[in-house]
Amino acid sequence: MVGEELMTTGFDEFDSRIRDLAERENECDDLFEEIKNGNGENFLRYLTLRDACKELRKGIFRSAMSAGLTRENINMEIKKVSRVTIGTHAKQTRKNQ
């Protein structure tokens, strides 16, 4: 029970950072697709965003580990939030087209 409380508290604390990471990684994926499709002017923005995502991910893991959470717990949460973010993004993209 104590472990569950720690996990819940830990996830609550990291929730906004994880959501921010998922949104940034989604934007990064979109930029990469644009670059692949010939829009090279987004290359510098992509590199900057990619590096920012790496640093944010490292920071999340460092903080989570010091709070007693495992890599597996954080990876699961990131994947869960990413699925929601990607789904929301897809709906918005279709709506804007």
N, C-alpha and C. Protein backbone atom coordinates (compact mmCIF):
# COMPACT_ATOMS: atom_id res chain seq x y z
N MET A 1 0.82 -1.19 0.00
CA MET A 1 0.00 0.00 0.00
C MET A 1 0.87 1.26 0.00
N VAL A 2 1.93 1.27 0.78
CA VAL A 2 2.81 2.44 0.81
C VAL A 2 3.45 2.66 -0.55
N GLY A 3 3.86 1.57 -1.22
CA GLY A 3 4.45 1.67 -2.55
C GLY A 3 3.47 2.28 -3.54
N GLU A 4 2.18 1.90 -3.43
CA GLU A 4 1.17 2.46 -4.32
C GLU A 4 1.01 3.96 -4.08
N GLU A 5 1.03 4.37 -2.80
CA GLU A 5 0.92 5.79 -2.48
C GLU A 5 2.09 6.56 -3.06
N LEU A 6 3.30 6.00 -2.95
CA LEU A 6 4.49 6.65 -3.49
C LEU A 6 4.37 6.77 -5.00
N MET A 7 3.90 5.70 -5.64
CA MET A 7 3.76 5.74 -7.09
C MET A 7 2.75 6.80 -7.50
N THR A 8 1.61 6.85 -6.82
CA THR A 8 0.58 7.83 -7.15
C THR A 8 1.10 9.24 -6.96
N THR A 9 1.74 9.47 -5.82
CA THR A 9 2.31 10.79 -5.54
C THR A 9 3.37 11.12 -6.58
N GLY A 10 4.23 10.16 -6.90
CA GLY A 10 5.28 10.38 -7.89
C GLY A 10 4.70 10.70 -9.26
N PHE A 11 3.68 9.96 -9.67
CA PHE A 11 3.07 10.21 -10.97
C PHE A 11 2.36 11.55 -11.00
N ASP A 12 1.73 11.92 -9.90
CA ASP A 12 1.07 13.24 -9.84
C ASP A 12 2.11 14.34 -10.01
N GLU A 13 3.25 14.17 -9.37
CA GLU A 13 4.31 15.18 -9.43
C GLU A 13 4.89 15.31 -10.83
N PHE A 14 5.00 14.21 -11.55
CA PHE A 14 5.64 14.21 -12.87
C PHE A 14 4.66 14.33 -14.02
N ASP A 15 3.38 14.35 -13.71
CA ASP A 15 2.35 14.32 -14.75
C ASP A 15 2.50 15.45 -15.77
N SER A 16 2.65 16.67 -15.32
CA SER A 16 2.74 17.79 -16.27
C SER A 16 4.01 17.72 -17.11
N ARG A 17 5.11 17.29 -16.50
CA ARG A 17 6.35 17.16 -17.27
C ARG A 17 6.24 16.05 -18.31
N ILE A 18 5.57 14.96 -17.94
CA ILE A 18 5.40 13.86 -18.87
C ILE A 18 4.48 14.29 -20.02
N ARG A 19 3.43 15.01 -19.71
CA ARG A 19 2.52 15.51 -20.76
C ARG A 19 3.27 16.48 -21.68
N ASP A 20 4.10 17.34 -21.10
CA ASP A 20 4.89 18.27 -21.90
C ASP A 20 5.83 17.49 -22.83
N LEU A 21 6.47 16.46 -22.31
CA LEU A 21 7.36 15.63 -23.11
C LEU A 21 6.60 15.00 -24.26
N ALA A 22 5.44 14.43 -23.98
CA ALA A 22 4.65 13.77 -25.02
C ALA A 22 4.25 14.75 -26.11
N GLU A 23 3.84 15.95 -25.72
CA GLU A 23 3.46 16.97 -26.71
C GLU A 23 4.67 17.39 -27.55
N ARG A 24 5.79 17.59 -26.91
CA ARG A 24 7.00 17.99 -27.64
C ARG A 24 7.46 16.89 -28.59
N GLU A 25 7.43 15.64 -28.12
CA GLU A 25 7.85 14.52 -28.97
C GLU A 25 6.91 14.38 -30.16
N ASN A 26 5.63 14.62 -29.95
CA ASN A 26 4.66 14.58 -31.04
C ASN A 26 4.97 15.66 -32.07
N GLU A 27 5.26 16.86 -31.58
CA GLU A 27 5.63 17.95 -32.49
C GLU A 27 6.91 17.62 -33.24
N CYS A 28 7.86 17.01 -32.54
CA CYS A 28 9.12 16.61 -33.14
C CYS A 28 8.88 15.59 -34.26
N ASP A 29 8.00 14.63 -34.01
CA ASP A 29 7.66 13.64 -35.03
C ASP A 29 7.04 14.30 -36.26
N ASP A 30 6.16 15.28 -36.02
CA ASP A 30 5.53 16.01 -37.12
C ASP A 30 6.58 16.76 -37.94
N LEU A 31 7.51 17.41 -37.27
CA LEU A 31 8.56 18.13 -37.97
C LEU A 31 9.43 17.18 -38.79
N PHE A 32 9.73 16.01 -38.22
CA PHE A 32 10.54 15.03 -38.94
C PHE A 32 9.82 14.59 -40.22
N GLU A 33 8.51 14.38 -40.13
CA GLU A 33 7.74 13.99 -41.31
C GLU A 33 7.78 15.10 -42.36
N GLU A 34 7.67 16.34 -41.92
CA GLU A 34 7.74 17.46 -42.86
C GLU A 34 9.10 17.51 -43.55
N ILE A 35 10.16 17.26 -42.79
CA ILE A 35 11.51 17.26 -43.36
C ILE A 35 11.64 16.14 -44.39
N LYS A 36 11.13 14.97 -44.04
CA LYS A 36 11.17 13.83 -44.98
C LYS A 36 10.41 14.16 -46.26
N ASN A 37 9.37 14.96 -46.13
CA ASN A 37 8.55 15.32 -47.30
C ASN A 37 9.09 16.53 -48.04
N GLY A 38 10.32 16.95 -47.72
CA GLY A 38 10.96 18.01 -48.48
C GLY A 38 10.95 19.39 -47.88
N ASN A 39 10.43 19.55 -46.67
CA ASN A 39 10.40 20.87 -46.04
C ASN A 39 11.62 21.01 -45.12
N GLY A 40 12.77 21.19 -45.73
CA GLY A 40 14.02 21.25 -45.00
C GLY A 40 14.20 22.46 -44.11
N GLU A 41 13.38 23.48 -44.29
CA GLU A 41 13.52 24.69 -43.48
C GLU A 41 13.19 24.43 -42.01
N ASN A 42 12.53 23.31 -41.71
CA ASN A 42 12.21 22.96 -40.33
C ASN A 42 13.32 22.17 -39.64
N PHE A 43 14.43 21.96 -40.34
CA PHE A 43 15.48 21.11 -39.81
C PHE A 43 16.07 21.63 -38.50
N LEU A 44 16.39 22.91 -38.43
CA LEU A 44 16.98 23.46 -37.20
C LEU A 44 15.99 23.40 -36.03
N ARG A 45 14.73 23.70 -36.31
CA ARG A 45 13.70 23.60 -35.28
C ARG A 45 13.59 22.16 -34.78
N TYR A 46 13.64 21.21 -35.72
CA TYR A 46 13.58 19.79 -35.36
C TYR A 46 14.75 19.41 -34.45
N LEU A 47 15.96 19.80 -34.81
CA LEU A 47 17.14 19.46 -34.00
C LEU A 47 17.04 20.06 -32.60
N THR A 48 16.62 21.30 -32.53
CA THR A 48 16.48 21.97 -31.23
C THR A 48 15.44 21.26 -30.37
N LEU A 49 14.30 20.96 -30.96
CA LEU A 49 13.23 20.29 -30.24
C LEU A 49 13.63 18.87 -29.83
N ARG A 50 14.30 18.16 -30.73
CA ARG A 50 14.77 16.80 -30.41
C ARG A 50 15.70 16.82 -29.21
N ASP A 51 16.64 17.74 -29.19
CA ASP A 51 17.58 17.84 -28.08
C ASP A 51 16.87 18.23 -26.79
N ALA A 52 15.89 19.13 -26.89
CA ALA A 52 15.12 19.52 -25.71
C ALA A 52 14.33 18.33 -25.16
N CYS A 53 13.80 17.51 -26.04
CA CYS A 53 13.06 16.31 -25.60
C CYS A 53 13.99 15.34 -24.87
N LYS A 54 15.19 15.17 -25.40
CA LYS A 54 16.16 14.27 -24.75
C LYS A 54 16.48 14.77 -23.34
N GLU A 55 16.70 16.07 -23.20
CA GLU A 55 17.03 16.63 -21.89
C GLU A 55 15.85 16.54 -20.93
N LEU A 56 14.66 16.81 -21.43
CA LEU A 56 13.47 16.72 -20.59
C LEU A 56 13.25 15.28 -20.13
N ARG A 57 13.43 14.33 -21.04
CA ARG A 57 13.28 12.91 -20.69
C ARG A 57 14.30 12.51 -19.62
N LYS A 58 15.56 12.95 -19.78
CA LYS A 58 16.59 12.66 -18.77
C LYS A 58 16.20 13.23 -17.42
N GLY A 59 15.73 14.47 -17.42
CA GLY A 59 15.33 15.11 -16.17
C GLY A 59 14.18 14.39 -15.49
N ILE A 60 13.21 13.94 -16.29
CA ILE A 60 12.09 13.19 -15.74
C ILE A 60 12.59 11.91 -15.09
N PHE A 61 13.46 11.20 -15.77
CA PHE A 61 13.96 9.94 -15.22
C PHE A 61 14.80 10.17 -13.96
N ARG A 62 15.64 11.21 -13.97
CA ARG A 62 16.45 11.50 -12.78
C ARG A 62 15.56 11.79 -11.58
N SER A 63 14.59 12.66 -11.77
CA SER A 63 13.68 13.02 -10.68
C SER A 63 12.86 11.82 -10.22
N ALA A 64 12.40 11.03 -11.16
CA ALA A 64 11.57 9.86 -10.83
C ALA A 64 12.37 8.85 -10.03
N MET A 65 13.60 8.61 -10.46
CA MET A 65 14.44 7.63 -9.77
C MET A 65 14.73 8.10 -8.34
N SER A 66 14.97 9.39 -8.16
CA SER A 66 15.24 9.90 -6.82
C SER A 66 13.99 9.86 -5.94
N ALA A 67 12.81 9.83 -6.57
CA ALA A 67 11.55 9.73 -5.82
C ALA A 67 11.17 8.27 -5.57
N GLY A 68 11.99 7.35 -6.05
CA GLY A 68 11.72 5.94 -5.80
C GLY A 68 10.92 5.24 -6.87
N LEU A 69 10.68 5.90 -7.98
CA LEU A 69 9.95 5.27 -9.08
C LEU A 69 10.93 4.52 -9.97
N THR A 70 10.44 3.55 -10.69
CA THR A 70 11.31 2.77 -11.57
C THR A 70 11.21 3.28 -12.99
N ARG A 71 12.21 2.95 -13.78
CA ARG A 71 12.21 3.30 -15.20
C ARG A 71 10.97 2.73 -15.89
N GLU A 72 10.63 1.51 -15.51
CA GLU A 72 9.48 0.84 -16.12
C GLU A 72 8.19 1.61 -15.85
N ASN A 73 8.03 2.07 -14.60
CA ASN A 73 6.84 2.86 -14.26
C ASN A 73 6.76 4.13 -15.09
N ILE A 74 7.85 4.82 -15.19
CA ILE A 74 7.87 6.08 -15.94
C ILE A 74 7.67 5.82 -17.43
N ASN A 75 8.34 4.80 -17.97
CA ASN A 75 8.15 4.46 -19.39
C ASN A 75 6.69 4.13 -19.69
N MET A 76 6.04 3.37 -18.81
CA MET A 76 4.63 3.04 -19.01
C MET A 76 3.79 4.30 -19.00
N GLU A 77 4.06 5.21 -18.07
CA GLU A 77 3.29 6.44 -17.99
C GLU A 77 3.51 7.31 -19.22
N ILE A 78 4.75 7.41 -19.68
CA ILE A 78 5.05 8.19 -20.89
C ILE A 78 4.31 7.61 -22.08
N LYS A 79 4.33 6.29 -22.23
CA LYS A 79 3.63 5.65 -23.35
C LYS A 79 2.12 5.89 -23.26
N LYS A 80 1.58 5.79 -22.05
CA LYS A 80 0.15 6.00 -21.87
C LYS A 80 -0.23 7.43 -22.26
N VAL A 81 0.52 8.40 -21.77
CA VAL A 81 0.24 9.80 -22.07
C VAL A 81 0.47 10.08 -23.55
N SER A 82 1.49 9.47 -24.13
CA SER A 82 1.77 9.67 -25.56
C SER A 82 0.61 9.19 -26.42
N ARG A 83 0.04 8.05 -26.07
CA ARG A 83 -1.10 7.54 -26.85
C ARG A 83 -2.26 8.52 -26.81
N VAL A 84 -2.53 9.08 -25.64
CA VAL A 84 -3.62 10.06 -25.50
C VAL A 84 -3.29 11.31 -26.29
N THR A 85 -2.06 11.79 -26.18
CA THR A 85 -1.64 13.01 -26.87
C THR A 85 -1.70 12.82 -28.38
N ILE A 86 -1.23 11.67 -28.87
CA ILE A 86 -1.25 11.40 -30.30
C ILE A 86 -2.69 11.32 -30.80
N GLY A 87 -3.57 10.67 -30.03
CA GLY A 87 -4.97 10.58 -30.40
C GLY A 87 -5.63 11.95 -30.47
N THR A 88 -5.36 12.78 -29.50
CA THR A 88 -5.91 14.13 -29.47
C THR A 88 -5.37 14.95 -30.63
N HIS A 89 -4.07 14.81 -30.90
CA HIS A 89 -3.44 15.54 -31.99
C HIS A 89 -4.04 15.12 -33.34
N ALA A 90 -4.27 13.84 -33.52
CA ALA A 90 -4.84 13.34 -34.77
C ALA A 90 -6.24 13.91 -34.99
N LYS A 91 -7.03 13.98 -33.92
CA LYS A 91 -8.38 14.55 -34.04
C LYS A 91 -8.31 16.03 -34.41
N GLN A 92 -7.39 16.77 -33.80
CA GLN A 92 -7.25 18.20 -34.09
C GLN A 92 -6.79 18.41 -35.52
N THR A 93 -5.87 17.57 -35.99
CA THR A 93 -5.35 17.69 -37.36
C THR A 93 -6.47 17.47 -38.36
N ARG A 94 -7.27 16.42 -38.14
CA ARG A 94 -8.39 16.15 -39.05
C ARG A 94 -9.40 17.29 -39.02
N LYS A 95 -9.63 17.85 -37.85
CA LYS A 95 -10.59 18.95 -37.69
C LYS A 95 -10.12 20.20 -38.45
N ASN A 96 -8.81 20.45 -38.44
CA ASN A 96 -8.25 21.65 -39.08
C ASN A 96 -8.15 21.51 -40.60
N GLN A 97 -8.27 20.30 -41.12
CA GLN A 97 -8.10 20.11 -42.56
C GLN A 97 -9.35 20.33 -43.30
